Protein backbone atom coordinates (compact mmCIF):
# COMPACT_ATOMS: atom_id res chain seq x y z
CA MET A 1 -17.01 -30.86 4.30
CA LYS A 2 -16.47 -27.06 4.30
CA GLN A 3 -13.35 -27.01 6.37
CA GLU A 4 -11.97 -29.63 3.85
CA ALA A 5 -12.92 -27.81 0.77
CA GLU A 6 -11.06 -24.86 2.67
CA GLU A 7 -8.05 -26.42 2.98
CA LEU A 8 -7.92 -28.00 -0.62
CA GLY A 9 -8.59 -24.36 -2.02
CA ALA A 10 -5.46 -23.44 -0.12
CA THR A 11 -3.67 -26.20 -1.35
CA LEU A 12 -4.97 -25.39 -5.20
CA LYS A 13 -4.05 -21.41 -4.35
CA GLY A 14 -0.57 -22.52 -3.46
CA ASP A 15 0.23 -24.45 -6.85
CA PHE A 16 -1.90 -22.73 -9.05
CA GLY A 17 -2.43 -19.19 -7.64
CA ASP A 18 -4.97 -17.20 -9.46
CA ASP A 19 -5.65 -19.72 -12.13
CA VAL A 20 -8.34 -21.56 -9.98
CA THR A 21 -11.57 -20.21 -8.06
CA ILE A 22 -12.78 -22.56 -5.32
CA LYS A 23 -16.22 -22.61 -4.09
CA PHE A 24 -18.13 -24.74 -1.52
CA VAL A 25 -21.57 -25.22 -2.22
CA ASP A 26 -24.10 -26.50 0.30
CA VAL A 27 -26.31 -28.41 -1.41
CA SER A 28 -28.88 -28.78 1.56
CA THR A 29 -29.33 -25.42 0.77
CA GLU A 30 -30.61 -23.23 -1.75
CA ASP A 31 -27.55 -22.19 -3.11
CA VAL A 32 -27.49 -25.20 -5.28
CA ASN A 33 -30.32 -23.83 -7.09
CA GLN A 34 -27.87 -21.40 -9.16
CA TYR A 35 -25.92 -24.50 -10.37
CA PRO A 36 -29.32 -26.50 -12.52
CA ASN A 37 -26.89 -28.98 -14.06
CA ILE A 38 -25.47 -30.15 -10.73
CA ALA A 39 -28.43 -30.44 -9.05
CA ALA A 40 -30.15 -32.52 -11.69
CA ILE A 41 -27.19 -35.26 -10.64
CA LEU A 42 -27.25 -35.27 -6.98
CA GLY A 43 -29.48 -38.31 -6.92
CA LYS A 44 -26.54 -40.10 -8.57
CA VAL A 45 -23.49 -39.03 -6.83
CA ARG A 46 -21.59 -39.53 -3.95
CA LEU A 47 -20.97 -36.49 -2.03
CA PRO A 48 -18.35 -34.55 -2.27
CA LEU A 49 -18.94 -33.53 -5.75
CA THR A 50 -15.82 -31.57 -7.32
CA VAL A 51 -16.68 -29.62 -10.37
CA ILE A 52 -14.18 -28.50 -12.60
CA ASN A 53 -15.17 -25.62 -15.18
CA ASN A 54 -18.81 -26.51 -14.88
CA GLU A 55 -18.23 -30.45 -15.15
CA PRO A 56 -18.72 -32.67 -12.63
CA ARG A 57 -15.48 -34.76 -12.15
CA PHE A 58 -14.86 -36.25 -9.01
CA HIS A 59 -17.46 -37.44 -6.59
CA GLY A 60 -17.14 -39.25 -2.94
CA GLY A 61 -13.99 -37.76 -1.69
CA ILE A 62 -11.47 -34.90 -2.02
CA SER A 63 -8.12 -35.71 -2.96
CA ALA A 64 -5.97 -32.97 -3.42
CA ASP A 65 -3.57 -35.01 -5.59
CA VAL A 66 -6.34 -36.15 -7.96
CA ILE A 67 -7.51 -32.88 -8.34
CA THR A 68 -4.26 -31.29 -8.76
CA ASN A 69 -3.16 -33.78 -11.45
CA ALA A 70 -6.40 -33.15 -13.17
CA LEU A 71 -5.87 -29.35 -13.13
CA LYS A 72 -2.25 -29.71 -14.72
CA GLU A 73 -3.52 -31.79 -17.36
CA MET A 74 -6.44 -29.40 -18.44
CA GLN A 75 -2.99 -26.39 -18.50
CA GLN A 76 -1.21 -28.67 -20.82
CA LYS A 77 -4.04 -29.12 -23.10
CA GLU A 78 -4.43 -25.39 -23.11
CA GLN A 79 -0.81 -24.60 -23.93
């Protein structure tokens, strides 16, 4: 899963440059404790979980197209 996240990160960096920050968090480690709102919902979602701006957005798979579209929509709303 980490490799998929890294590949997604490279794709998103190519599309959005420094406007995005990608971080992989292994939820089976104590690192998840840094994100209490995410840790609280882990039993209700399927991994992988994609979080955008601290909000859980997608779970159960990684789709560069879906995530890219969501980020583009967010950019449009900010303009």
